[in-house]
């Protein structure tokens, strides 16, 4: 089972930089916190990525999500984000640094897909 992801869930890059979640909808919530839907985890700021140096670019922004959207659950026609989220960031090495859920922030609402 995967958990619904909301604004207060912890999503981080592989280096443990934190994604700033910004929900695009406000009327569906889990424990009063808006859930994330399709495209919410993309193009978001990443703070405190510790990877830096002369030839290293720290993760600053999330890119495309590969998996993590529900096949069945939707809010206003947009797929709900689930805890198996896996996408890329703009950090180095390019195309290899992922964003993933570290803590869903809730254990009440889950889904199989």
PDB file of N, CA and C in Angstrom:
ATOM      1  N   UNK A   1       0.838  -1.181   0.000  1.00  0.00           N
ATOM      2  CA  UNK A   1       0.000   0.000   0.000  1.00  0.00           C
ATOM      3  C   UNK A   1       0.883   1.245   0.000  1.00  0.00           C
ATOM      4  N   UNK A   2       0.449   2.245  -0.731  1.00  0.00           N
ATOM      5  CA  UNK A   2       1.144   3.530  -0.771  1.00  0.00           C
ATOM      6  C   UNK A   2       0.271   4.588  -0.112  1.00  0.00           C
ATOM      7  N   UNK A   3       0.907   5.562   0.491  1.00  0.00           N
ATOM      8  CA  UNK A   3       0.198   6.630   1.195  1.00  0.00           C
ATOM      9  C   UNK A   3      -0.017   7.828   0.278  1.00  0.00           C
ATOM     10  N   UNK A   4      -1.126   8.537   0.500  1.00  0.00           N
ATOM     11  CA  UNK A   4      -1.366   9.797  -0.199  1.00  0.00           C
ATOM     12  C   UNK A   4      -0.329  10.799   0.299  1.00  0.00           C
ATOM     13  N   UNK A   5       0.179  11.615  -0.596  1.00  0.00           N
ATOM     14  CA  UNK A   5       1.194  12.612  -0.254  1.00  0.00           C
ATOM     15  C   UNK A   5       0.539  13.989  -0.188  1.00  0.00           C
ATOM     16  N   UNK A   6       0.913  14.748   0.837  1.00  0.00           N
ATOM     17  CA  UNK A   6       0.336  16.081   1.004  1.00  0.00           C
ATOM     18  C   UNK A   6       1.433  17.128   1.191  1.00  0.00           C
ATOM     19  N   UNK A   7       1.017  18.360   1.388  1.00  0.00           N
ATOM     20  CA  UNK A   7       1.944  19.490   1.488  1.00  0.00           C
ATOM     21  C   UNK A   7       3.042  19.278   2.521  1.00  0.00           C
ATOM     22  N   UNK A   8       2.744  18.614   3.632  1.00  0.00           N
ATOM     23  CA  UNK A   8       3.715  18.459   4.708  1.00  0.00           C
ATOM     24  C   UNK A   8       4.525  17.163   4.625  1.00  0.00           C
ATOM     25  N   UNK A   9       4.307  16.367   3.590  1.00  0.00           N
ATOM     26  CA  UNK A   9       5.116  15.161   3.388  1.00  0.00           C
ATOM     27  C   UNK A   9       6.554  15.576   3.077  1.00  0.00           C
ATOM     28  N   UNK A  10       7.500  14.736   3.462  1.00  0.00           N
ATOM     29  CA  UNK A  10       8.913  15.037   3.194  1.00  0.00           C
ATOM     30  C   UNK A  10       9.327  14.342   1.900  1.00  0.00           C
ATOM     31  N   UNK A  11       9.640  15.155   0.896  1.00  0.00           N
ATOM     32  CA  UNK A  11      10.201  14.681  -0.361  1.00  0.00           C
ATOM     33  C   UNK A  11      11.604  15.267  -0.433  1.00  0.00           C
ATOM     34  N   UNK A  12      12.584  14.435  -0.785  1.00  0.00           N
ATOM     35  CA  UNK A  12      13.973  14.891  -0.781  1.00  0.00           C
ATOM     36  C   UNK A  12      14.731  14.329  -1.975  1.00  0.00           C
ATOM     37  N   UNK A  13      15.818  15.011  -2.324  1.00  0.00           N
ATOM     38  CA  UNK A  13      16.706  14.491  -3.357  1.00  0.00           C
ATOM     39  C   UNK A  13      17.565  13.384  -2.735  1.00  0.00           C
ATOM     40  N   UNK A  14      18.312  12.678  -3.579  1.00  0.00           N
ATOM     41  CA  UNK A  14      19.170  11.600  -3.089  1.00  0.00           C
ATOM     42  C   UNK A  14      20.204  12.072  -2.073  1.00  0.00           C
ATOM     43  N   UNK A  15      20.526  13.356  -2.113  1.00  0.00           N
ATOM     44  CA  UNK A  15      21.524  13.921  -1.187  1.00  0.00           C
ATOM     45  C   UNK A  15      20.880  14.458   0.082  1.00  0.00           C
ATOM     46  N   UNK A  16      19.564  14.359   0.191  1.00  0.00           N
ATOM     47  CA  UNK A  16      18.754  14.789   1.329  1.00  0.00           C
ATOM     48  C   UNK A  16      18.412  16.277   1.330  1.00  0.00           C
ATOM     49  N   UNK A  17      18.518  16.938   0.181  1.00  0.00           N
ATOM     50  CA  UNK A  17      17.964  18.291   0.057  1.00  0.00           C
ATOM     51  C   UNK A  17      16.453  18.185   0.055  1.00  0.00           C
ATOM     52  N   UNK A  18      15.760  19.145   0.647  1.00  0.00           N
ATOM     53  CA  UNK A  18      14.307  19.057   0.818  1.00  0.00           C
ATOM     54  C   UNK A  18      13.544  19.791  -0.276  1.00  0.00           C
ATOM     55  N   UNK A  19      12.523  19.123  -0.799  1.00  0.00           N
ATOM     56  CA  UNK A  19      11.652  19.709  -1.810  1.00  0.00           C
ATOM     57  C   UNK A  19      10.612  20.574  -1.109  1.00  0.00           C
ATOM     58  N   UNK A  20      10.399  21.770  -1.649  1.00  0.00           N
ATOM     59  CA  UNK A  20       9.352  22.650  -1.117  1.00  0.00           C
ATOM     60  C   UNK A  20       8.042  22.315  -1.816  1.00  0.00           C
ATOM     61  N   UNK A  21       7.183  21.579  -1.112  1.00  0.00           N
ATOM     62  CA  UNK A  21       5.897  21.169  -1.679  1.00  0.00           C
ATOM     63  C   UNK A  21       4.966  22.366  -1.781  1.00  0.00           C
ATOM     64  N   UNK A  22       4.258  22.427  -2.909  1.00  0.00           N
ATOM     65  CA  UNK A  22       3.292  23.499  -3.125  1.00  0.00           C
ATOM     66  C   UNK A  22       2.081  22.892  -3.817  1.00  0.00           C
ATOM     67  N   UNK A  23       1.020  22.599  -3.050  1.00  0.00           N
ATOM     68  CA  UNK A  23      -0.167  21.980  -3.657  1.00  0.00           C
ATOM     69  C   UNK A  23      -0.887  22.960  -4.582  1.00  0.00           C
ATOM     70  N   UNK A  24      -1.417  22.428  -5.680  1.00  0.00           N
ATOM     71  CA  UNK A  24      -2.148  23.270  -6.627  1.00  0.00           C
ATOM     72  C   UNK A  24      -3.654  23.242  -6.372  1.00  0.00           C
ATOM     73  N   UNK A  25      -4.080  22.444  -5.422  1.00  0.00           N
ATOM     74  CA  UNK A  25      -5.494  22.398  -5.050  1.00  0.00           C
ATOM     75  C   UNK A  25      -5.584  22.448  -3.529  1.00  0.00           C
ATOM     76  N   UNK A  26      -6.711  22.880  -3.010  1.00  0.00           N
ATOM     77  CA  UNK A  26      -6.857  23.041  -1.555  1.00  0.00           C
ATOM     78  C   UNK A  26      -8.081  22.351  -0.980  1.00  0.00           C
ATOM     79  N   UNK A  27      -8.964  21.803  -1.801  1.00  0.00           N
ATOM     80  CA  UNK A  27     -10.216  21.306  -1.238  1.00  0.00           C
ATOM     81  C   UNK A  27     -10.186  19.845  -0.828  1.00  0.00           C
ATOM     82  N   UNK A  28      -9.214  19.038  -1.261  1.00  0.00           N
ATOM     83  CA  UNK A  28      -9.083  17.665  -0.776  1.00  0.00           C
ATOM     84  C   UNK A  28      -7.866  17.630   0.135  1.00  0.00           C
ATOM     85  N   UNK A  29      -8.104  17.203   1.390  1.00  0.00           N
ATOM     86  CA  UNK A  29      -7.045  17.232   2.400  1.00  0.00           C
ATOM     87  C   UNK A  29      -6.942  15.900   3.134  1.00  0.00           C
ATOM     88  N   UNK A  30      -5.801  15.696   3.765  1.00  0.00           N
ATOM     89  CA  UNK A  30      -5.591  14.589   4.695  1.00  0.00           C
ATOM     90  C   UNK A  30      -5.199  15.247   6.006  1.00  0.00           C
ATOM     91  N   UNK A  31      -5.956  15.009   7.045  1.00  0.00           N
ATOM     92  CA  UNK A  31      -5.783  15.652   8.355  1.00  0.00           C
ATOM     93  C   UNK A  31      -5.666  17.176   8.207  1.00  0.00           C
ATOM     94  N   UNK A  32      -6.462  17.731   7.294  1.00  0.00           N
ATOM     95  CA  UNK A  32      -6.509  19.178   7.111  1.00  0.00           C
ATOM     96  C   UNK A  32      -5.404  19.758   6.245  1.00  0.00           C
ATOM     97  N   UNK A  33      -4.557  18.918   5.657  1.00  0.00           N
ATOM     98  CA  UNK A  33      -3.436  19.382   4.837  1.00  0.00           C
ATOM     99  C   UNK A  33      -3.717  19.006   3.383  1.00  0.00           C
ATOM    100  N   UNK A  34      -3.629  19.962   2.432  1.00  0.00           N
ATOM    101  CA  UNK A  34      -3.945  19.684   1.030  1.00  0.00           C
ATOM    102  C   UNK A  34      -3.050  18.601   0.421  1.00  0.00           C
ATOM    103  N   UNK A  35      -3.688  17.665  -0.309  1.00  0.00           N
ATOM    104  CA  UNK A  35      -2.938  16.601  -0.981  1.00  0.00           C
ATOM    105  C   UNK A  35      -2.312  17.146  -2.258  1.00  0.00           C
ATOM    106  N   UNK A  36      -1.226  16.492  -2.685  1.00  0.00           N
ATOM    107  CA  UNK A  36      -0.571  16.856  -3.936  1.00  0.00           C
ATOM    108  C   UNK A  36      -1.187  16.053  -5.074  1.00  0.00           C
ATOM    109  N   UNK A  37      -1.283  16.682  -6.235  1.00  0.00           N
ATOM    110  CA  UNK A  37      -1.821  16.030  -7.420  1.00  0.00           C
ATOM    111  C   UNK A  37      -0.828  16.160  -8.576  1.00  0.00           C
ATOM    112  N   UNK A  38      -1.162  15.497  -9.679  1.00  0.00           N
ATOM    113  CA  UNK A  38      -0.326  15.447 -10.870  1.00  0.00           C
ATOM    114  C   UNK A  38       0.337  16.799 -11.176  1.00  0.00           C
ATOM    115  N   UNK A  39       1.640  16.743 -11.334  1.00  0.00           N
ATOM    116  CA  UNK A  39       2.541  17.862 -11.658  1.00  0.00           C
ATOM    117  C   UNK A  39       2.938  18.695 -10.442  1.00  0.00           C
ATOM    118  N   UNK A  40       2.307  18.518  -9.271  1.00  0.00           N
ATOM    119  CA  UNK A  40       2.732  19.289  -8.088  1.00  0.00           C
ATOM    120  C   UNK A  40       4.189  19.022  -7.708  1.00  0.00           C
ATOM    121  N   UNK A  41       4.711  17.781  -7.823  1.00  0.00           N
ATOM    122  CA  UNK A  41       6.118  17.560  -7.435  1.00  0.00           C
ATOM    123  C   UNK A  41       7.133  17.981  -8.508  1.00  0.00           C
ATOM    124  N   UNK A  42       6.672  18.524  -9.619  1.00  0.00           N
ATOM    125  CA  UNK A  42       7.579  18.889 -10.708  1.00  0.00           C
ATOM    126  C   UNK A  42       7.834  20.395 -10.729  1.00  0.00           C
ATOM    127  N   UNK A  43       9.083  20.775 -10.979  1.00  0.00           N
ATOM    128  CA  UNK A  43       9.445  22.187 -11.048  1.00  0.00           C
ATOM    129  C   UNK A  43       9.482  22.882  -9.696  1.00  0.00           C
ATOM    130  N   UNK A  44       9.650  22.120  -8.638  1.00  0.00           N
ATOM    131  CA  UNK A  44       9.671  22.689  -7.285  1.00  0.00           C
ATOM    132  C   UNK A  44      11.094  22.927  -6.801  1.00  0.00           C
ATOM    133  N   UNK A  45      11.232  23.922  -5.953  1.00  0.00           N
ATOM    134  CA  UNK A  45      12.536  24.281  -5.386  1.00  0.00           C
ATOM    135  C   UNK A  45      13.019  23.208  -4.411  1.00  0.00           C
ATOM    136  N   UNK A  46      14.319  22.943  -4.446  1.00  0.00           N
ATOM    137  CA  UNK A  46      14.957  22.044  -3.492  1.00  0.00           C
ATOM    138  C   UNK A  46      15.914  22.885  -2.658  1.00  0.00           C
ATOM    139  N   UNK A  47      15.794  22.791  -1.335  1.00  0.00           N
ATOM    140  CA  UNK A  47      16.655  23.570  -0.453  1.00  0.00           C
ATOM    141  C   UNK A  47      17.625  22.658   0.300  1.00  0.00           C
ATOM    142  N   UNK A  48      18.753  23.204   0.643  1.00  0.00           N
ATOM    143  CA  UNK A  48      19.745  22.558   1.505  1.00  0.00           C
ATOM    144  C   UNK A  48      20.355  21.289   0.926  1.00  0.00           C
ATOM    145  N   UNK A  49      20.466  21.201  -0.402  1.00  0.00           N
ATOM    146  CA  UNK A  49      21.184  20.062  -0.982  1.00  0.00           C
ATOM    147  C   UNK A  49      22.664  20.255  -0.665  1.00  0.00           C
ATOM    148  N   UNK A  50      23.289  19.299   0.016  1.00  0.00           N
ATOM    149  CA  UNK A  50      24.667  19.476   0.466  1.00  0.00           C
ATOM    150  C   UNK A  50      25.733  19.236  -0.606  1.00  0.00           C
ATOM    151  N   UNK A  51      25.327  18.827  -1.797  1.00  0.00           N
ATOM    152  CA  UNK A  51      26.305  18.544  -2.852  1.00  0.00           C
ATOM    153  C   UNK A  51      26.720  19.841  -3.547  1.00  0.00           C
ATOM    154  N   UNK A  52      27.960  20.214  -3.415  1.00  0.00           N
ATOM    155  CA  UNK A  52      28.463  21.404  -4.102  1.00  0.00           C
ATOM    156  C   UNK A  52      29.971  21.288  -4.259  1.00  0.00           C
ATOM    157  N   UNK A  53      30.492  22.049  -5.178  1.00  0.00           N
ATOM    158  CA  UNK A  53      31.916  22.032  -5.461  1.00  0.00           C
ATOM    159  C   UNK A  53      32.175  22.546  -6.857  1.00  0.00           C
ATOM    160  N   UNK A  54      33.428  22.599  -7.260  1.00  0.00           N
ATOM    161  CA  UNK A  54      33.772  23.174  -8.563  1.00  0.00           C
ATOM    162  C   UNK A  54      33.121  22.466  -9.753  1.00  0.00           C
ATOM    163  N   UNK A  55      32.939  21.168  -9.683  1.00  0.00           N
ATOM    164  CA  UNK A  55      32.344  20.430 -10.809  1.00  0.00           C
ATOM    165  C   UNK A  55      31.019  19.779 -10.435  1.00  0.00           C
ATOM    166  N   UNK A  56      30.448  20.189  -9.316  1.00  0.00           N
ATOM    167  CA  UNK A  56      29.210  19.586  -8.824  1.00  0.00           C
ATOM    168  C   UNK A  56      28.126  20.651  -8.729  1.00  0.00           C
ATOM    169  N   UNK A  57      26.965  20.355  -9.297  1.00  0.00           N
ATOM    170  CA  UNK A  57      25.812  21.248  -9.186  1.00  0.00           C
ATOM    171  C   UNK A  57      24.849  20.666  -8.165  1.00  0.00           C
ATOM    172  N   UNK A  58      24.558  21.404  -7.093  1.00  0.00           N
ATOM    173  CA  UNK A  58      23.583  20.889  -6.124  1.00  0.00           C
ATOM    174  C   UNK A  58      22.179  20.844  -6.734  1.00  0.00           C
ATOM    175  N   UNK A  59      21.348  20.006  -6.191  1.00  0.00           N
ATOM    176  CA  UNK A  59      19.955  19.939  -6.630  1.00  0.00           C
ATOM    177  C   UNK A  59      19.260  21.235  -6.233  1.00  0.00           C
ATOM    178  N   UNK A  60      18.659  21.898  -7.193  1.00  0.00           N
ATOM    179  CA  UNK A  60      17.952  23.149  -6.921  1.00  0.00           C
ATOM    180  C   UNK A  60      16.487  23.072  -7.326  1.00  0.00           C
ATOM    181  N   UNK A  61      16.148  22.140  -8.229  1.00  0.00           N
ATOM    182  CA  UNK A  61      14.788  22.054  -8.744  1.00  0.00           C
ATOM    183  C   UNK A  61      14.451  20.609  -9.107  1.00  0.00           C
ATOM    184  N   UNK A  62      13.192  20.255  -8.896  1.00  0.00           N
ATOM    185  CA  UNK A  62      12.723  18.930  -9.299  1.00  0.00           C
ATOM    186  C   UNK A  62      12.386  18.949 -10.780  1.00  0.00           C
ATOM    187  N   UNK A  63      12.534  17.795 -11.400  1.00  0.00           N
ATOM    188  CA  UNK A  63      12.197  17.642 -12.814  1.00  0.00           C
ATOM    189  C   UNK A  63      11.025  16.674 -12.944  1.00  0.00           C
ATOM    190  N   UNK A  64      10.939  16.009 -14.050  1.00  0.00           N
ATOM    191  CA  UNK A  64       9.840  15.111 -14.377  1.00  0.00           C
ATOM    192  C   UNK A  64       9.718  13.955 -13.375  1.00  0.00           C
ATOM    193  N   UNK A  65       8.487  13.609 -13.054  1.00  0.00           N
ATOM    194  CA  UNK A  65       8.199  12.453 -12.211  1.00  0.00           C
ATOM    195  C   UNK A  65       8.075  11.229 -13.108  1.00  0.00           C
ATOM    196  N   UNK A  66       8.774  10.147 -12.747  1.00  0.00           N
ATOM    197  CA  UNK A  66       8.706   8.906 -13.526  1.00  0.00           C
ATOM    198  C   UNK A  66       7.544   8.036 -13.072  1.00  0.00           C
ATOM    199  N   UNK A  67       7.415   7.852 -11.763  1.00  0.00           N
ATOM    200  CA  UNK A  67       6.297   7.100 -11.181  1.00  0.00           C
ATOM    201  C   UNK A  67       5.867   7.802  -9.909  1.00  0.00           C
ATOM    202  N   UNK A  68       4.633   7.505  -9.485  1.00  0.00           N
ATOM    203  CA  UNK A  68       4.167   8.071  -8.232  1.00  0.00           C
ATOM    204  C   UNK A  68       2.788   8.685  -8.301  1.00  0.00           C
ATOM    205  N   UNK A  69       2.187   8.661  -9.471  1.00  0.00           N
ATOM    206  CA  UNK A  69       0.829   9.151  -9.600  1.00  0.00           C
ATOM    207  C   UNK A  69      -0.134   7.966  -9.598  1.00  0.00           C
ATOM    208  N   UNK A  70      -1.272   8.106  -8.928  1.00  0.00           N
ATOM    209  CA  UNK A  70      -2.256   7.041  -8.871  1.00  0.00           C
ATOM    210  C   UNK A  70      -2.828   6.754 -10.253  1.00  0.00           C
ATOM    211  N   UNK A  71      -3.074   5.474 -10.517  1.00  0.00           N
ATOM    212  CA  UNK A  71      -3.727   5.084 -11.767  1.00  0.00           C
ATOM    213  C   UNK A  71      -5.225   5.374 -11.733  1.00  0.00           C
ATOM    214  N   UNK A  72      -5.804   5.423 -10.518  1.00  0.00           N
ATOM    215  CA  UNK A  72      -7.254   5.512 -10.395  1.00  0.00           C
ATOM    216  C   UNK A  72      -7.770   6.733  -9.651  1.00  0.00           C
ATOM    217  N   UNK A  73      -7.028   7.204  -8.665  1.00  0.00           N
ATOM    218  CA  UNK A  73      -7.521   8.289  -7.812  1.00  0.00           C
ATOM    219  C   UNK A  73      -7.194   9.651  -8.409  1.00  0.00           C
ATOM    220  N   UNK A  74      -8.228  10.497  -8.494  1.00  0.00           N
ATOM    221  CA  UNK A  74      -8.052  11.814  -9.109  1.00  0.00           C
ATOM    222  C   UNK A  74      -8.783  12.884  -8.315  1.00  0.00           C
ATOM    223  N   UNK A  75      -8.237  14.088  -8.392  1.00  0.00           N
ATOM    224  CA  UNK A  75      -8.877  15.274  -7.826  1.00  0.00           C
ATOM    225  C   UNK A  75      -8.988  16.267  -8.975  1.00  0.00           C
ATOM    226  N   UNK A  76     -10.212  16.652  -9.315  1.00  0.00           N
ATOM    227  CA  UNK A  76     -10.442  17.529 -10.474  1.00  0.00           C
ATOM    228  C   UNK A  76      -9.782  16.988 -11.733  1.00  0.00           C
ATOM    229  N   UNK A  77      -9.790  15.671 -11.913  1.00  0.00           N
ATOM    230  CA  UNK A  77      -9.225  15.046 -13.094  1.00  0.00           C
ATOM    231  C   UNK A  77      -7.716  14.869 -13.063  1.00  0.00           C
ATOM    232  N   UNK A  78      -7.055  15.306 -11.992  1.00  0.00           N
ATOM    233  CA  UNK A  78      -5.601  15.192 -11.874  1.00  0.00           C
ATOM    234  C   UNK A  78      -5.252  14.078 -10.902  1.00  0.00           C
ATOM    235  N   UNK A  79      -4.303  13.231 -11.282  1.00  0.00           N
ATOM    236  CA  UNK A  79      -3.927  12.058 -10.495  1.00  0.00           C
ATOM    237  C   UNK A  79      -3.329  12.451  -9.139  1.00  0.00           C
ATOM    238  N   UNK A  80      -3.692  11.721  -8.096  1.00  0.00           N
ATOM    239  CA  UNK A  80      -3.184  11.932  -6.744  1.00  0.00           C
ATOM    240  C   UNK A  80      -1.743  11.412  -6.675  1.00  0.00           C
ATOM    241  N   UNK A  81      -0.875  12.128  -5.944  1.00  0.00           N
ATOM    242  CA  UNK A  81       0.511  11.705  -5.741  1.00  0.00           C
ATOM    243  C   UNK A  81       0.549  10.693  -4.599  1.00  0.00           C
ATOM    244  N   UNK A  82       1.267   9.583  -4.819  1.00  0.00           N
ATOM    245  CA  UNK A  82       1.390   8.529  -3.815  1.00  0.00           C
ATOM    246  C   UNK A  82       2.843   8.375  -3.377  1.00  0.00           C
ATOM    247  N   UNK A  83       3.043   7.652  -2.289  1.00  0.00           N
ATOM    248  CA  UNK A  83       4.352   7.585  -1.628  1.00  0.00           C
ATOM    249  C   UNK A  83       5.426   6.816  -2.396  1.00  0.00           C
ATOM    250  N   UNK A  84       5.085   6.174  -3.516  1.00  0.00           N
ATOM    251  CA  UNK A  84       6.123   5.526  -4.321  1.00  0.00           C
ATOM    252  C   UNK A  84       6.707   6.493  -5.359  1.00  0.00           C
ATOM    253  N   UNK A  85       6.474   7.787  -5.162  1.00  0.00           N
ATOM    254  CA  UNK A  85       6.979   8.845  -6.037  1.00  0.00           C
ATOM    255  C   UNK A  85       8.474   8.670  -6.315  1.00  0.00           C
ATOM    256  N   UNK A  86       8.830   8.787  -7.573  1.00  0.00           N
ATOM    257  CA  UNK A  86      10.233   8.761  -7.989  1.00  0.00           C
ATOM    258  C   UNK A  86      10.363   9.633  -9.223  1.00  0.00           C
ATOM    259  N   UNK A  87      11.167  10.673  -9.094  1.00  0.00           N
ATOM    260  CA  UNK A  87      11.406  11.581 -10.209  1.00  0.00           C
ATOM    261  C   UNK A  87      12.843  12.040 -10.193  1.00  0.00           C
ATOM    262  N   UNK A  88      13.195  12.888 -11.120  1.00  0.00           N
ATOM    263  CA  UNK A  88      14.565  13.376 -11.217  1.00  0.00           C
ATOM    264  C   UNK A  88      14.694  14.794 -10.679  1.00  0.00           C
ATOM    265  N   UNK A  89      15.954  15.202 -10.455  1.00  0.00           N
ATOM    266  CA  UNK A  89      16.272  16.582 -10.082  1.00  0.00           C
ATOM    267  C   UNK A  89      17.282  17.123 -11.090  1.00  0.00           C
ATOM    268  N   UNK A  90      17.612  18.405 -10.960  1.00  0.00           N
ATOM    269  CA  UNK A  90      18.592  19.019 -11.857  1.00  0.00           C
ATOM    270  C   UNK A  90      20.020  18.940 -11.321  1.00  0.00           C
ATOM    271  N   UNK A  91      20.252  18.150 -10.274  1.00  0.00           N
ATOM    272  CA  UNK A  91      21.587  18.031  -9.684  1.00  0.00           C
ATOM    273  C   UNK A  91      22.511  17.128 -10.489  1.00  0.00           C
ATOM    274  N   UNK A  92      23.789  17.128 -10.103  1.00  0.00           N
ATOM    275  CA  UNK A  92      24.766  16.261 -10.788  1.00  0.00           C
ATOM    276  C   UNK A  92      24.927  14.960 -10.026  1.00  0.00           C
ATOM    277  N   UNK A  93      25.165  13.891 -10.752  1.00  0.00           N
ATOM    278  CA  UNK A  93      25.287  13.805 -12.207  1.00  0.00           C
ATOM    279  C   UNK A  93      23.925  13.897 -12.891  1.00  0.00           C
ATOM    280  N   UNK A  94      23.844  14.622 -14.022  1.00  0.00           N
ATOM    281  CA  UNK A  94      22.567  14.829 -14.718  1.00  0.00           C
ATOM    282  C   UNK A  94      21.878  13.514 -15.060  1.00  0.00           C
ATOM    283  N   UNK A  95      20.571  13.495 -14.826  1.00  0.00           N
ATOM    284  CA  UNK A  95      19.775  12.325 -15.157  1.00  0.00           C
ATOM    285  C   UNK A  95      19.888  11.157 -14.196  1.00  0.00           C
ATOM    286  N   UNK A  96      20.624  11.336 -13.100  1.00  0.00           N
ATOM    287  CA  UNK A  96      20.820  10.230 -12.152  1.00  0.00           C
ATOM    288  C   UNK A  96      20.371  10.532 -10.724  1.00  0.00           C
ATOM    289  N   UNK A  97      20.129  11.795 -10.406  1.00  0.00           N
ATOM    290  CA  UNK A  97      19.741  12.156  -9.039  1.00  0.00           C
ATOM    291  C   UNK A  97      18.212  12.196  -8.952  1.00  0.00           C
ATOM    292  N   UNK A  98      17.683  11.456  -7.991  1.00  0.00           N
ATOM    293  CA  UNK A  98      16.242  11.300  -7.861  1.00  0.00           C
ATOM    294  C   UNK A  98      15.658  12.129  -6.718  1.00  0.00           C
ATOM    295  N   UNK A  99      14.358  12.363  -6.824  1.00  0.00           N
ATOM    296  CA  UNK A  99      13.549  12.875  -5.712  1.00  0.00           C
ATOM    297  C   UNK A  99      12.640  11.737  -5.297  1.00  0.00           C
ATOM    298  N   UNK A 100      12.543  11.527  -3.988  1.00  0.00           N
ATOM    299  CA  UNK A 100      11.707  10.442  -3.457  1.00  0.00           C
ATOM    300  C   UNK A 100      11.064  10.882  -2.145  1.00  0.00           C
ATOM    301  N   UNK A 101       9.996  10.199  -1.778  1.00  0.00           N
ATOM    302  CA  UNK A 101       9.320  10.469  -0.511  1.00  0.00           C
ATOM    303  C   UNK A 101      10.140   9.854   0.620  1.00  0.00           C
ATOM    304  N   UNK A 102      10.504  10.657   1.606  1.00  0.00           N
ATOM    305  CA  UNK A 102      11.213  10.168   2.792  1.00  0.00           C
ATOM    306  C   UNK A 102      10.228   9.868   3.924  1.00  0.00           C
ATOM    307  N   UNK A 103       9.164  10.681   4.002  1.00  0.00           N
ATOM    308  CA  UNK A 103       8.156  10.504   5.048  1.00  0.00           C
ATOM    309  C   UNK A 103       6.829  11.016   4.497  1.00  0.00           C
ATOM    310  N   UNK A 104       5.820  10.139   4.375  1.00  0.00           N
ATOM    311  CA  UNK A 104       4.543  10.600   3.838  1.00  0.00           C
ATOM    312  C   UNK A 104       3.826  11.595   4.750  1.00  0.00           C
ATOM    313  N   UNK A 105       4.212  11.649   6.003  1.00  0.00           N
ATOM    314  CA  UNK A 105       3.609  12.629   6.907  1.00  0.00           C
ATOM    315  C   UNK A 105       2.228  12.253   7.391  1.00  0.00           C
ATOM    316  N   UNK A 106       1.758  11.086   7.009  1.00  0.00           N
ATOM    317  CA  UNK A 106       0.457  10.605   7.479  1.00  0.00           C
ATOM    318  C   UNK A 106       0.397   9.113   7.234  1.00  0.00           C
ATOM    319  N   UNK A 107      -0.414   8.435   8.015  1.00  0.00           N
ATOM    320  CA  UNK A 107      -0.579   6.993   7.879  1.00  0.00           C
ATOM    321  C   UNK A 107      -2.043   6.605   7.904  1.00  0.00           C
ATOM    322  N   UNK A 108      -2.892   7.526   7.468  1.00  0.00           N
ATOM    323  CA  UNK A 108      -4.350   7.292   7.515  1.00  0.00           C
ATOM    324  C   UNK A 108      -4.916   6.880   6.176  1.00  0.00           C
ATOM    325  N   UNK A 109      -4.472   7.535   5.115  1.00  0.00           N
ATOM    326  CA  UNK A 109      -5.100   7.357   3.814  1.00  0.00           C
ATOM    327  C   UNK A 109      -4.126   6.733   2.827  1.00  0.00           C
ATOM    328  N   UNK A 110      -4.438   5.508   2.391  1.00  0.00           N
ATOM    329  CA  UNK A 110      -3.558   4.781   1.488  1.00  0.00           C
ATOM    330  C   UNK A 110      -4.304   4.319   0.249  1.00  0.00           C
ATOM    331  N   UNK A 111      -3.532   3.798  -0.702  1.00  0.00           N
ATOM    332  CA  UNK A 111      -4.112   3.304  -1.948  1.00  0.00           C
ATOM    333  C   UNK A 111      -3.217   2.195  -2.493  1.00  0.00           C
ATOM    334  N   UNK A 112      -3.830   1.292  -3.258  1.00  0.00           N
ATOM    335  CA  UNK A 112      -3.066   0.231  -3.902  1.00  0.00           C
ATOM    336  C   UNK A 112      -2.422   0.722  -5.190  1.00  0.00           C
ATOM    337  N   UNK A 113      -3.006   1.652  -5.852  1.00  0.00           N
ATOM    338  CA  UNK A 113      -2.490   2.183  -7.119  1.00  0.00           C
ATOM    339  C   UNK A 113      -2.787   3.629  -7.192  1.00  0.00           C
TER     340      UNK A 113
END
